[in-house]
PDB file of N, CA and C in Angstrom:
ATOM      1  N   UNK A   1      29.718 -18.553 -42.072  1.00  0.00           N
ATOM      2  CA  UNK A   1      30.598 -19.104 -41.101  1.00  0.00           C
ATOM      3  C   UNK A   1      31.018 -18.243 -39.787  1.00  0.00           C
ATOM      4  N   UNK A   2      31.022 -18.896 -38.653  1.00  0.00           N
ATOM      5  CA  UNK A   2      31.077 -18.353 -37.339  1.00  0.00           C
ATOM      6  C   UNK A   2      32.161 -19.069 -36.783  1.00  0.00           C
ATOM      7  N   UNK A   3      33.242 -18.518 -36.542  1.00  0.00           N
ATOM      8  CA  UNK A   3      34.376 -18.733 -35.726  1.00  0.00           C
ATOM      9  C   UNK A   3      34.537 -18.855 -34.206  1.00  0.00           C
ATOM     10  N   UNK A   4      35.102 -19.765 -33.752  1.00  0.00           N
ATOM     11  CA  UNK A   4      35.283 -19.845 -32.251  1.00  0.00           C
ATOM     12  C   UNK A   4      34.461 -20.748 -31.645  1.00  0.00           C
ATOM     13  N   UNK A   5      34.893 -20.667 -30.298  1.00  0.00           N
ATOM     14  CA  UNK A   5      34.453 -21.948 -29.544  1.00  0.00           C
ATOM     15  C   UNK A   5      33.757 -21.561 -28.047  1.00  0.00           C
ATOM     16  N   UNK A   6      33.121 -20.375 -27.893  1.00  0.00           N
ATOM     17  CA  UNK A   6      32.576 -20.032 -26.537  1.00  0.00           C
ATOM     18  C   UNK A   6      31.319 -20.752 -26.740  1.00  0.00           C
ATOM     19  N   UNK A   7      31.003 -21.336 -25.558  1.00  0.00           N
ATOM     20  CA  UNK A   7      29.796 -22.278 -25.322  1.00  0.00           C
ATOM     21  C   UNK A   7      28.574 -21.596 -25.039  1.00  0.00           C
ATOM     22  N   UNK A   8      28.566 -20.502 -24.517  1.00  0.00           N
ATOM     23  CA  UNK A   8      27.385 -19.714 -23.989  1.00  0.00           C
ATOM     24  C   UNK A   8      26.748 -18.575 -25.240  1.00  0.00           C
ATOM     25  N   UNK A   9      27.841 -18.264 -26.136  1.00  0.00           N
ATOM     26  CA  UNK A   9      27.266 -17.219 -26.938  1.00  0.00           C
ATOM     27  C   UNK A   9      27.799 -17.706 -28.486  1.00  0.00           C
ATOM     28  N   UNK A  10      29.054 -17.931 -28.516  1.00  0.00           N
ATOM     29  CA  UNK A  10      29.384 -18.144 -30.040  1.00  0.00           C
ATOM     30  C   UNK A  10      28.565 -19.360 -30.454  1.00  0.00           C
ATOM     31  N   UNK A  11      28.694 -20.618 -29.989  1.00  0.00           N
ATOM     32  CA  UNK A  11      27.955 -21.835 -30.370  1.00  0.00           C
ATOM     33  C   UNK A  11      26.471 -21.803 -30.365  1.00  0.00           C
ATOM     34  N   UNK A  12      25.644 -20.924 -29.730  1.00  0.00           N
ATOM     35  CA  UNK A  12      24.165 -20.759 -29.529  1.00  0.00           C
ATOM     36  C   UNK A  12      24.073 -19.782 -31.055  1.00  0.00           C
ATOM     37  N   UNK A  13      25.065 -18.864 -31.431  1.00  0.00           N
ATOM     38  CA  UNK A  13      24.877 -18.110 -32.739  1.00  0.00           C
ATOM     39  C   UNK A  13      25.157 -18.859 -33.686  1.00  0.00           C
ATOM     40  N   UNK A  14      26.151 -19.924 -33.768  1.00  0.00           N
ATOM     41  CA  UNK A  14      26.182 -20.729 -34.579  1.00  0.00           C
ATOM     42  C   UNK A  14      24.910 -21.687 -34.874  1.00  0.00           C
ATOM     43  N   UNK A  15      24.257 -22.061 -33.896  1.00  0.00           N
ATOM     44  CA  UNK A  15      22.904 -23.115 -34.133  1.00  0.00           C
ATOM     45  C   UNK A  15      21.692 -22.227 -34.397  1.00  0.00           C
ATOM     46  N   UNK A  16      21.932 -20.813 -34.030  1.00  0.00           N
ATOM     47  CA  UNK A  16      20.845 -20.333 -34.672  1.00  0.00           C
ATOM     48  C   UNK A  16      21.040 -19.485 -36.145  1.00  0.00           C
ATOM     49  N   UNK A  17      21.936 -19.457 -36.605  1.00  0.00           N
ATOM     50  CA  UNK A  17      22.217 -18.368 -37.593  1.00  0.00           C
ATOM     51  C   UNK A  17      23.350 -18.856 -38.791  1.00  0.00           C
ATOM     52  N   UNK A  18      24.312 -19.979 -38.433  1.00  0.00           N
ATOM     53  CA  UNK A  18      25.484 -20.221 -39.295  1.00  0.00           C
ATOM     54  C   UNK A  18      25.087 -21.489 -40.315  1.00  0.00           C
ATOM     55  N   UNK A  19      25.829 -21.412 -41.274  1.00  0.00           N
ATOM     56  CA  UNK A  19      25.758 -22.464 -42.436  1.00  0.00           C
ATOM     57  C   UNK A  19      27.158 -23.355 -42.033  1.00  0.00           C
ATOM     58  N   UNK A  20      28.044 -22.591 -41.113  1.00  0.00           N
ATOM     59  CA  UNK A  20      29.444 -23.722 -40.984  1.00  0.00           C
ATOM     60  C   UNK A  20      30.080 -23.062 -39.644  1.00  0.00           C
ATOM     61  N   UNK A  21      30.767 -23.549 -38.980  1.00  0.00           N
ATOM     62  CA  UNK A  21      31.648 -23.115 -37.868  1.00  0.00           C
ATOM     63  C   UNK A  21      33.052 -23.491 -38.054  1.00  0.00           C
ATOM     64  N   UNK A  22      33.882 -22.564 -37.538  1.00  0.00           N
ATOM     65  CA  UNK A  22      35.307 -22.895 -37.373  1.00  0.00           C
ATOM     66  C   UNK A  22      35.355 -22.991 -35.885  1.00  0.00           C
ATOM     67  N   UNK A  23      35.874 -24.218 -35.418  1.00  0.00           N
ATOM     68  CA  UNK A  23      36.165 -24.452 -34.001  1.00  0.00           C
ATOM     69  C   UNK A  23      37.828 -24.388 -34.029  1.00  0.00           C
ATOM     70  N   UNK A  24      38.227 -24.230 -32.849  1.00  0.00           N
ATOM     71  CA  UNK A  24      39.694 -23.927 -32.465  1.00  0.00           C
ATOM     72  C   UNK A  24      40.099 -24.794 -31.278  1.00  0.00           C
ATOM     73  N   UNK A  25      39.950 -26.227 -31.377  1.00  0.00           N
ATOM     74  CA  UNK A  25      39.936 -27.197 -30.398  1.00  0.00           C
ATOM     75  C   UNK A  25      41.676 -27.418 -30.213  1.00  0.00           C
ATOM     76  N   UNK A  26      41.871 -27.679 -28.882  1.00  0.00           N
ATOM     77  CA  UNK A  26      43.322 -28.124 -28.518  1.00  0.00           C
ATOM     78  C   UNK A  26      43.362 -29.794 -28.523  1.00  0.00           C
ATOM     79  N   UNK A  27      42.372 -30.606 -28.988  1.00  0.00           N
ATOM     80  CA  UNK A  27      42.460 -31.955 -28.779  1.00  0.00           C
ATOM     81  C   UNK A  27      41.124 -32.410 -29.558  1.00  0.00           C
ATOM     82  N   UNK A  28      41.060 -33.689 -29.878  1.00  0.00           N
ATOM     83  CA  UNK A  28      39.711 -34.384 -30.614  1.00  0.00           C
ATOM     84  C   UNK A  28      38.773 -34.336 -29.221  1.00  0.00           C
ATOM     85  N   UNK A  29      39.411 -34.571 -27.982  1.00  0.00           N
ATOM     86  CA  UNK A  29      38.410 -34.519 -26.822  1.00  0.00           C
ATOM     87  C   UNK A  29      37.395 -33.323 -26.437  1.00  0.00           C
ATOM     88  N   UNK A  30      38.600 -32.158 -26.594  1.00  0.00           N
ATOM     89  CA  UNK A  30      37.826 -30.791 -26.670  1.00  0.00           C
ATOM     90  C   UNK A  30      36.904 -30.887 -27.703  1.00  0.00           C
ATOM     91  N   UNK A  31      37.334 -31.088 -29.066  1.00  0.00           N
ATOM     92  CA  UNK A  31      36.190 -30.998 -30.187  1.00  0.00           C
ATOM     93  C   UNK A  31      34.891 -31.679 -29.801  1.00  0.00           C
ATOM     94  N   UNK A  32      35.198 -33.138 -29.422  1.00  0.00           N
ATOM     95  CA  UNK A  32      33.878 -33.884 -29.008  1.00  0.00           C
ATOM     96  C   UNK A  32      32.850 -32.927 -28.326  1.00  0.00           C
ATOM     97  N   UNK A  33      33.428 -32.504 -27.161  1.00  0.00           N
ATOM     98  CA  UNK A  33      32.798 -31.554 -26.354  1.00  0.00           C
ATOM     99  C   UNK A  33      32.212 -30.651 -27.034  1.00  0.00           C
ATOM    100  N   UNK A  34      32.909 -29.754 -27.472  1.00  0.00           N
ATOM    101  CA  UNK A  34      32.285 -28.254 -28.172  1.00  0.00           C
ATOM    102  C   UNK A  34      31.039 -28.739 -29.011  1.00  0.00           C
ATOM    103  N   UNK A  35      31.492 -30.002 -30.027  1.00  0.00           N
ATOM    104  CA  UNK A  35      30.276 -30.016 -30.693  1.00  0.00           C
ATOM    105  C   UNK A  35      28.937 -30.912 -30.184  1.00  0.00           C
ATOM    106  N   UNK A  36      29.158 -31.380 -28.760  1.00  0.00           N
ATOM    107  CA  UNK A  36      28.161 -31.850 -28.049  1.00  0.00           C
ATOM    108  C   UNK A  36      27.376 -30.832 -27.550  1.00  0.00           C
ATOM    109  N   UNK A  37      28.060 -29.771 -26.880  1.00  0.00           N
ATOM    110  CA  UNK A  37      27.555 -28.282 -26.755  1.00  0.00           C
ATOM    111  C   UNK A  37      26.536 -27.889 -27.818  1.00  0.00           C
ATOM    112  N   UNK A  38      27.540 -27.563 -29.029  1.00  0.00           N
ATOM    113  CA  UNK A  38      26.540 -27.189 -30.339  1.00  0.00           C
ATOM    114  C   UNK A  38      25.235 -27.950 -30.570  1.00  0.00           C
ATOM    115  N   UNK A  39      25.593 -29.290 -30.349  1.00  0.00           N
ATOM    116  CA  UNK A  39      24.248 -30.295 -30.465  1.00  0.00           C
ATOM    117  C   UNK A  39      23.310 -29.615 -29.723  1.00  0.00           C
ATOM    118  N   UNK A  40      23.592 -29.567 -28.630  1.00  0.00           N
ATOM    119  CA  UNK A  40      22.172 -29.147 -27.415  1.00  0.00           C
ATOM    120  C   UNK A  40      21.561 -27.626 -27.929  1.00  0.00           C
ATOM    121  N   UNK A  41      22.662 -26.858 -28.138  1.00  0.00           N
ATOM    122  CA  UNK A  41      21.879 -25.575 -28.955  1.00  0.00           C
ATOM    123  C   UNK A  41      21.049 -25.725 -30.055  1.00  0.00           C
ATOM    124  N   UNK A  42      21.534 -26.378 -30.975  1.00  0.00           N
ATOM    125  CA  UNK A  42      20.701 -26.847 -32.094  1.00  0.00           C
ATOM    126  C   UNK A  42      19.442 -27.452 -31.648  1.00  0.00           C
ATOM    127  N   UNK A  43      19.433 -28.553 -30.759  1.00  0.00           N
ATOM    128  CA  UNK A  43      18.153 -28.943 -30.258  1.00  0.00           C
ATOM    129  C   UNK A  43      17.317 -28.006 -29.577  1.00  0.00           C
ATOM    130  N   UNK A  44      17.940 -26.788 -28.825  1.00  0.00           N
ATOM    131  CA  UNK A  44      17.149 -25.847 -28.256  1.00  0.00           C
ATOM    132  C   UNK A  44      16.395 -25.011 -29.288  1.00  0.00           C
ATOM    133  N   UNK A  45      16.836 -24.822 -30.595  1.00  0.00           N
ATOM    134  CA  UNK A  45      16.405 -23.886 -31.748  1.00  0.00           C
ATOM    135  C   UNK A  45      15.694 -24.457 -32.521  1.00  0.00           C
ATOM    136  N   UNK A  46      15.641 -26.065 -32.378  1.00  0.00           N
ATOM    137  CA  UNK A  46      14.944 -26.815 -33.455  1.00  0.00           C
ATOM    138  C   UNK A  46      15.710 -26.911 -34.567  1.00  0.00           C
ATOM    139  N   UNK A  47      17.079 -26.969 -34.745  1.00  0.00           N
ATOM    140  CA  UNK A  47      17.857 -27.115 -36.108  1.00  0.00           C
ATOM    141  C   UNK A  47      18.533 -28.465 -35.922  1.00  0.00           C
ATOM    142  N   UNK A  48      18.545 -28.913 -37.120  1.00  0.00           N
ATOM    143  CA  UNK A  48      19.161 -30.252 -37.422  1.00  0.00           C
ATOM    144  C   UNK A  48      20.777 -29.736 -37.348  1.00  0.00           C
ATOM    145  N   UNK A  49      21.578 -30.305 -36.195  1.00  0.00           N
ATOM    146  CA  UNK A  49      22.944 -30.270 -36.219  1.00  0.00           C
ATOM    147  C   UNK A  49      23.921 -30.545 -37.428  1.00  0.00           C
ATOM    148  N   UNK A  50      23.247 -31.634 -38.086  1.00  0.00           N
ATOM    149  CA  UNK A  50      24.044 -32.245 -39.224  1.00  0.00           C
ATOM    150  C   UNK A  50      23.690 -31.080 -40.685  1.00  0.00           C
ATOM    151  N   UNK A  51      23.106 -30.135 -40.293  1.00  0.00           N
ATOM    152  CA  UNK A  51      22.928 -29.072 -41.459  1.00  0.00           C
ATOM    153  C   UNK A  51      23.872 -28.229 -41.334  1.00  0.00           C
ATOM    154  N   UNK A  52      24.982 -28.032 -40.257  1.00  0.00           N
ATOM    155  CA  UNK A  52      26.135 -27.217 -40.008  1.00  0.00           C
ATOM    156  C   UNK A  52      27.304 -27.717 -40.540  1.00  0.00           C
ATOM    157  N   UNK A  53      28.017 -27.290 -41.504  1.00  0.00           N
ATOM    158  CA  UNK A  53      29.315 -27.740 -41.743  1.00  0.00           C
ATOM    159  C   UNK A  53      30.403 -27.227 -40.660  1.00  0.00           C
ATOM    160  N   UNK A  54      31.088 -28.306 -40.100  1.00  0.00           N
ATOM    161  CA  UNK A  54      32.113 -28.148 -38.732  1.00  0.00           C
ATOM    162  C   UNK A  54      33.572 -28.155 -39.595  1.00  0.00           C
ATOM    163  N   UNK A  55      34.308 -26.776 -39.253  1.00  0.00           N
ATOM    164  CA  UNK A  55      35.693 -27.140 -39.773  1.00  0.00           C
ATOM    165  C   UNK A  55      36.422 -26.664 -38.279  1.00  0.00           C
ATOM    166  N   UNK A  56      37.908 -26.721 -38.477  1.00  0.00           N
ATOM    167  CA  UNK A  56      38.681 -26.458 -37.165  1.00  0.00           C
ATOM    168  C   UNK A  56      39.872 -25.783 -37.807  1.00  0.00           C
ATOM    169  N   UNK A  57      40.229 -24.896 -37.127  1.00  0.00           N
ATOM    170  CA  UNK A  57      41.710 -24.161 -36.916  1.00  0.00           C
ATOM    171  C   UNK A  57      42.651 -24.990 -36.244  1.00  0.00           C
ATOM    172  N   UNK A  58      43.493 -25.420 -37.048  1.00  0.00           N
ATOM    173  CA  UNK A  58      44.374 -26.187 -35.891  1.00  0.00           C
ATOM    174  C   UNK A  58      45.828 -25.333 -35.416  1.00  0.00           C
ATOM    175  N   UNK A  59      45.942 -25.271 -34.231  1.00  0.00           N
ATOM    176  CA  UNK A  59      47.279 -24.449 -34.012  1.00  0.00           C
ATOM    177  C   UNK A  59      47.948 -25.551 -33.059  1.00  0.00           C
ATOM    178  N   UNK A  60      47.788 -26.475 -33.144  1.00  0.00           N
ATOM    179  CA  UNK A  60      48.565 -27.320 -32.147  1.00  0.00           C
ATOM    180  C   UNK A  60      50.053 -27.607 -32.411  1.00  0.00           C
ATOM    181  N   UNK A  61      50.857 -27.883 -31.449  1.00  0.00           N
ATOM    182  CA  UNK A  61      52.172 -27.824 -31.414  1.00  0.00           C
ATOM    183  C   UNK A  61      52.788 -29.040 -32.231  1.00  0.00           C
ATOM    184  N   UNK A  62      51.915 -29.938 -32.600  1.00  0.00           N
ATOM    185  CA  UNK A  62      52.668 -31.030 -33.126  1.00  0.00           C
ATOM    186  C   UNK A  62      52.713 -30.609 -34.551  1.00  0.00           C
ATOM    187  N   UNK A  63      51.739 -29.683 -35.370  1.00  0.00           N
ATOM    188  CA  UNK A  63      52.071 -29.199 -36.507  1.00  0.00           C
ATOM    189  C   UNK A  63      53.294 -28.626 -36.298  1.00  0.00           C
ATOM    190  N   UNK A  64      53.416 -27.397 -35.527  1.00  0.00           N
ATOM    191  CA  UNK A  64      54.657 -26.487 -35.142  1.00  0.00           C
ATOM    192  C   UNK A  64      55.870 -27.163 -34.865  1.00  0.00           C
ATOM    193  N   UNK A  65      55.627 -28.137 -34.472  1.00  0.00           N
ATOM    194  CA  UNK A  65      56.978 -28.959 -33.817  1.00  0.00           C
ATOM    195  C   UNK A  65      57.206 -30.003 -34.923  1.00  0.00           C
ATOM    196  N   UNK A  66      56.746 -30.145 -36.026  1.00  0.00           N
ATOM    197  CA  UNK A  66      56.833 -31.193 -37.501  1.00  0.00           C
ATOM    198  C   UNK A  66      56.578 -32.453 -37.210  1.00  0.00           C
ATOM    199  N   UNK A  67      55.738 -32.885 -35.778  1.00  0.00           N
ATOM    200  CA  UNK A  67      55.875 -34.109 -35.622  1.00  0.00           C
ATOM    201  C   UNK A  67      54.530 -34.709 -36.446  1.00  0.00           C
ATOM    202  N   UNK A  68      54.646 -35.133 -37.501  1.00  0.00           N
ATOM    203  CA  UNK A  68      53.766 -35.457 -38.588  1.00  0.00           C
ATOM    204  C   UNK A  68      53.014 -36.523 -38.211  1.00  0.00           C
ATOM    205  N   UNK A  69      53.298 -37.515 -37.636  1.00  0.00           N
ATOM    206  CA  UNK A  69      52.693 -38.782 -36.709  1.00  0.00           C
ATOM    207  C   UNK A  69      51.530 -38.195 -35.789  1.00  0.00           C
ATOM    208  N   UNK A  70      52.124 -37.428 -35.070  1.00  0.00           N
ATOM    209  CA  UNK A  70      51.403 -37.015 -33.890  1.00  0.00           C
ATOM    210  C   UNK A  70      50.061 -36.124 -34.384  1.00  0.00           C
ATOM    211  N   UNK A  71      50.496 -35.334 -35.313  1.00  0.00           N
ATOM    212  CA  UNK A  71      49.372 -34.299 -36.296  1.00  0.00           C
ATOM    213  C   UNK A  71      48.451 -35.452 -36.921  1.00  0.00           C
ATOM    214  N   UNK A  72      48.733 -36.140 -37.556  1.00  0.00           N
ATOM    215  CA  UNK A  72      47.897 -37.342 -37.959  1.00  0.00           C
ATOM    216  C   UNK A  72      46.821 -38.070 -37.033  1.00  0.00           C
ATOM    217  N   UNK A  73      47.381 -38.261 -35.870  1.00  0.00           N
ATOM    218  CA  UNK A  73      46.666 -38.927 -35.151  1.00  0.00           C
ATOM    219  C   UNK A  73      45.537 -37.885 -34.508  1.00  0.00           C
ATOM    220  N   UNK A  74      45.774 -36.700 -34.600  1.00  0.00           N
ATOM    221  CA  UNK A  74      44.931 -35.705 -33.985  1.00  0.00           C
ATOM    222  C   UNK A  74      43.758 -35.690 -35.210  1.00  0.00           C
ATOM    223  N   UNK A  75      44.445 -35.479 -36.464  1.00  0.00           N
ATOM    224  CA  UNK A  75      43.457 -35.220 -37.685  1.00  0.00           C
ATOM    225  C   UNK A  75      42.433 -36.405 -37.691  1.00  0.00           C
ATOM    226  N   UNK A  76      43.090 -37.705 -37.627  1.00  0.00           N
ATOM    227  CA  UNK A  76      42.107 -38.905 -37.756  1.00  0.00           C
ATOM    228  C   UNK A  76      41.078 -38.831 -36.290  1.00  0.00           C
ATOM    229  N   UNK A  77      41.300 -37.973 -35.359  1.00  0.00           N
ATOM    230  CA  UNK A  77      40.212 -37.907 -34.180  1.00  0.00           C
ATOM    231  C   UNK A  77      39.410 -37.067 -34.727  1.00  0.00           C
ATOM    232  N   UNK A  78      39.699 -36.174 -35.438  1.00  0.00           N
ATOM    233  CA  UNK A  78      38.866 -35.163 -35.927  1.00  0.00           C
ATOM    234  C   UNK A  78      38.008 -35.520 -36.969  1.00  0.00           C
ATOM    235  N   UNK A  79      38.473 -36.341 -37.971  1.00  0.00           N
ATOM    236  CA  UNK A  79      37.705 -36.638 -38.900  1.00  0.00           C
ATOM    237  C   UNK A  79      36.496 -37.732 -38.622  1.00  0.00           C
ATOM    238  N   UNK A  80      36.870 -38.443 -37.605  1.00  0.00           N
ATOM    239  CA  UNK A  80      35.992 -39.431 -36.668  1.00  0.00           C
ATOM    240  C   UNK A  80      34.816 -38.516 -36.247  1.00  0.00           C
ATOM    241  N   UNK A  81      34.675 -37.258 -36.061  1.00  0.00           N
ATOM    242  CA  UNK A  81      33.955 -36.522 -35.392  1.00  0.00           C
ATOM    243  C   UNK A  81      33.432 -35.706 -36.540  1.00  0.00           C
ATOM    244  N   UNK A  82      33.652 -35.843 -37.841  1.00  0.00           N
ATOM    245  CA  UNK A  82      32.863 -35.293 -38.925  1.00  0.00           C
ATOM    246  C   UNK A  82      33.620 -34.235 -39.389  1.00  0.00           C
ATOM    247  N   UNK A  83      34.779 -33.736 -39.150  1.00  0.00           N
ATOM    248  CA  UNK A  83      35.668 -33.005 -39.704  1.00  0.00           C
ATOM    249  C   UNK A  83      36.045 -32.740 -41.064  1.00  0.00           C
ATOM    250  N   UNK A  84      35.811 -32.225 -41.980  1.00  0.00           N
ATOM    251  CA  UNK A  84      36.296 -32.575 -43.190  1.00  0.00           C
ATOM    252  C   UNK A  84      37.224 -31.360 -43.945  1.00  0.00           C
ATOM    253  N   UNK A  85      37.381 -30.442 -43.069  1.00  0.00           N
ATOM    254  CA  UNK A  85      38.329 -29.227 -43.451  1.00  0.00           C
ATOM    255  C   UNK A  85      39.004 -28.726 -42.267  1.00  0.00           C
ATOM    256  N   UNK A  86      40.174 -28.973 -42.486  1.00  0.00           N
ATOM    257  CA  UNK A  86      41.237 -28.130 -41.073  1.00  0.00           C
ATOM    258  C   UNK A  86      42.151 -27.072 -41.795  1.00  0.00           C
ATOM    259  N   UNK A  87      42.056 -25.956 -41.176  1.00  0.00           N
ATOM    260  CA  UNK A  87      42.871 -24.815 -41.703  1.00  0.00           C
ATOM    261  C   UNK A  87      44.013 -24.796 -40.796  1.00  0.00           C
ATOM    262  N   UNK A  88      45.041 -25.146 -41.183  1.00  0.00           N
ATOM    263  CA  UNK A  88      46.625 -25.044 -40.494  1.00  0.00           C
ATOM    264  C   UNK A  88      46.953 -23.627 -40.080  1.00  0.00           C
ATOM    265  N   UNK A  89      47.344 -23.402 -38.893  1.00  0.00           N
ATOM    266  CA  UNK A  89      47.561 -22.067 -38.194  1.00  0.00           C
ATOM    267  C   UNK A  89      48.741 -21.910 -37.587  1.00  0.00           C
ATOM    268  N   UNK A  90      50.200 -22.430 -38.536  1.00  0.00           N
ATOM    269  CA  UNK A  90      51.514 -22.062 -37.742  1.00  0.00           C
ATOM    270  C   UNK A  90      51.775 -21.272 -36.982  1.00  0.00           C
ATOM    271  N   UNK A  91      52.622 -21.252 -36.044  1.00  0.00           N
ATOM    272  CA  UNK A  91      53.073 -20.213 -35.137  1.00  0.00           C
ATOM    273  C   UNK A  91      54.571 -20.188 -35.411  1.00  0.00           C
ATOM    274  N   UNK A  92      54.875 -19.906 -36.639  1.00  0.00           N
ATOM    275  CA  UNK A  92      56.352 -19.780 -37.099  1.00  0.00           C
ATOM    276  C   UNK A  92      56.631 -18.481 -37.792  1.00  0.00           C
ATOM    277  N   UNK A  93      58.082 -18.268 -37.842  1.00  0.00           N
ATOM    278  CA  UNK A  93      58.269 -17.143 -38.533  1.00  0.00           C
ATOM    279  C   UNK A  93      58.791 -17.354 -39.645  1.00  0.00           C
ATOM    280  N   UNK A  94      58.948 -18.765 -40.047  1.00  0.00           N
ATOM    281  CA  UNK A  94      59.456 -19.209 -41.319  1.00  0.00           C
ATOM    282  C   UNK A  94      58.587 -19.961 -41.854  1.00  0.00           C
ATOM    283  N   UNK A  95      57.491 -19.524 -42.024  1.00  0.00           N
ATOM    284  CA  UNK A  95      56.124 -20.456 -43.039  1.00  0.00           C
ATOM    285  C   UNK A  95      56.580 -20.778 -44.308  1.00  0.00           C
ATOM    286  N   UNK A  96      57.184 -20.512 -45.013  1.00  0.00           N
ATOM    287  CA  UNK A  96      57.493 -21.041 -46.251  1.00  0.00           C
ATOM    288  C   UNK A  96      58.204 -22.453 -46.385  1.00  0.00           C
ATOM    289  N   UNK A  97      59.377 -22.399 -45.064  1.00  0.00           N
ATOM    290  CA  UNK A  97      60.096 -23.582 -44.949  1.00  0.00           C
ATOM    291  C   UNK A  97      59.462 -24.425 -44.582  1.00  0.00           C
ATOM    292  N   UNK A  98      58.380 -24.092 -43.179  1.00  0.00           N
ATOM    293  CA  UNK A  98      57.623 -25.050 -42.381  1.00  0.00           C
ATOM    294  C   UNK A  98      56.751 -25.653 -43.551  1.00  0.00           C
ATOM    295  N   UNK A  99      56.228 -25.056 -44.563  1.00  0.00           N
ATOM    296  CA  UNK A  99      55.019 -25.547 -45.724  1.00  0.00           C
ATOM    297  C   UNK A  99      56.116 -26.664 -46.230  1.00  0.00           C
ATOM    298  N   UNK A 100      57.131 -26.293 -46.770  1.00  0.00           N
ATOM    299  CA  UNK A 100      57.744 -27.549 -47.409  1.00  0.00           C
ATOM    300  C   UNK A 100      57.881 -28.814 -46.544  1.00  0.00           C
ATOM    301  N   UNK A 101      58.472 -28.501 -45.587  1.00  0.00           N
ATOM    302  CA  UNK A 101      58.822 -29.531 -44.430  1.00  0.00           C
ATOM    303  C   UNK A 101      57.630 -30.244 -44.160  1.00  0.00           C
ATOM    304  N   UNK A 102      56.726 -29.806 -43.624  1.00  0.00           N
ATOM    305  CA  UNK A 102      55.743 -30.447 -42.673  1.00  0.00           C
ATOM    306  C   UNK A 102      54.394 -30.522 -43.652  1.00  0.00           C
ATOM    307  N   UNK A 103      53.766 -29.224 -44.017  1.00  0.00           N
ATOM    308  CA  UNK A 103      52.587 -29.208 -44.809  1.00  0.00           C
ATOM    309  C   UNK A 103      52.321 -29.946 -45.889  1.00  0.00           C
ATOM    310  N   UNK A 104      53.666 -30.199 -46.916  1.00  0.00           N
ATOM    311  CA  UNK A 104      53.279 -30.722 -47.933  1.00  0.00           C
ATOM    312  C   UNK A 104      53.234 -32.228 -47.455  1.00  0.00           C
ATOM    313  N   UNK A 105      53.929 -32.878 -46.897  1.00  0.00           N
ATOM    314  CA  UNK A 105      53.939 -34.104 -46.631  1.00  0.00           C
ATOM    315  C   UNK A 105      52.829 -34.591 -45.655  1.00  0.00           C
ATOM    316  N   UNK A 106      52.155 -33.520 -45.051  1.00  0.00           N
ATOM    317  CA  UNK A 106      51.152 -33.976 -44.073  1.00  0.00           C
ATOM    318  C   UNK A 106      49.756 -33.891 -45.106  1.00  0.00           C
ATOM    319  N   UNK A 107      49.615 -33.217 -46.410  1.00  0.00           N
ATOM    320  CA  UNK A 107      48.640 -33.159 -47.206  1.00  0.00           C
ATOM    321  C   UNK A 107      48.566 -34.510 -48.144  1.00  0.00           C
ATOM    322  N   UNK A 108      49.664 -35.080 -48.154  1.00  0.00           N
ATOM    323  CA  UNK A 108      49.691 -36.191 -48.937  1.00  0.00           C
ATOM    324  C   UNK A 108      49.155 -37.232 -48.223  1.00  0.00           C
ATOM    325  N   UNK A 109      49.425 -37.394 -46.610  1.00  0.00           N
ATOM    326  CA  UNK A 109      49.062 -38.418 -45.819  1.00  0.00           C
ATOM    327  C   UNK A 109      47.644 -38.216 -45.262  1.00  0.00           C
ATOM    328  N   UNK A 110      47.256 -37.069 -45.328  1.00  0.00           N
ATOM    329  CA  UNK A 110      45.903 -36.644 -45.214  1.00  0.00           C
ATOM    330  C   UNK A 110      44.954 -37.020 -46.138  1.00  0.00           C
ATOM    331  N   UNK A 111      45.546 -37.262 -47.262  1.00  0.00           N
ATOM    332  CA  UNK A 111      44.460 -37.528 -48.552  1.00  0.00           C
ATOM    333  C   UNK A 111      44.440 -39.400 -47.905  1.00  0.00           C
ATOM    334  N   UNK A 112      44.899 -40.166 -47.173  1.00  0.00           N
ATOM    335  CA  UNK A 112      44.845 -41.392 -46.976  1.00  0.00           C
ATOM    336  C   UNK A 112      43.610 -41.704 -45.870  1.00  0.00           C
ATOM    337  N   UNK A 113      43.374 -40.621 -45.153  1.00  0.00           N
ATOM    338  CA  UNK A 113      42.651 -40.671 -43.957  1.00  0.00           C
ATOM    339  C   UNK A 113      40.993 -41.157 -44.502  1.00  0.00           C
ATOM    340  N   UNK A 114      40.319 -41.879 -43.704  1.00  0.00           N
ATOM    341  CA  UNK A 114      39.077 -42.150 -44.026  1.00  0.00           C
ATOM    342  C   UNK A 114      38.007 -41.023 -43.510  1.00  0.00           C
TER     343      UNK A 114
END
């Protein structure tokens, strides 16, 4: 797995060497763009884009602020782009309380996304 989203170096390395990549998009629209760039790099090296597993690290304000509905809208956008794994990266000092208040209910609702 290679993490990052640099379009000139990192995604080129993903296309050439990685079994998986972990992107850090700010929105589903940015993720769509990064995946298109990755697809182009894959075509350049003769690699099937679909052989690379794509994951995201989510640092969005929706999760930090506890806005579960907005977070789920982002996740729905990511799943439509082929993402099946999201790593939550909260920017908080009270991570355990955040997990109880936000992450636990989010997991239950994420299970319902297609």
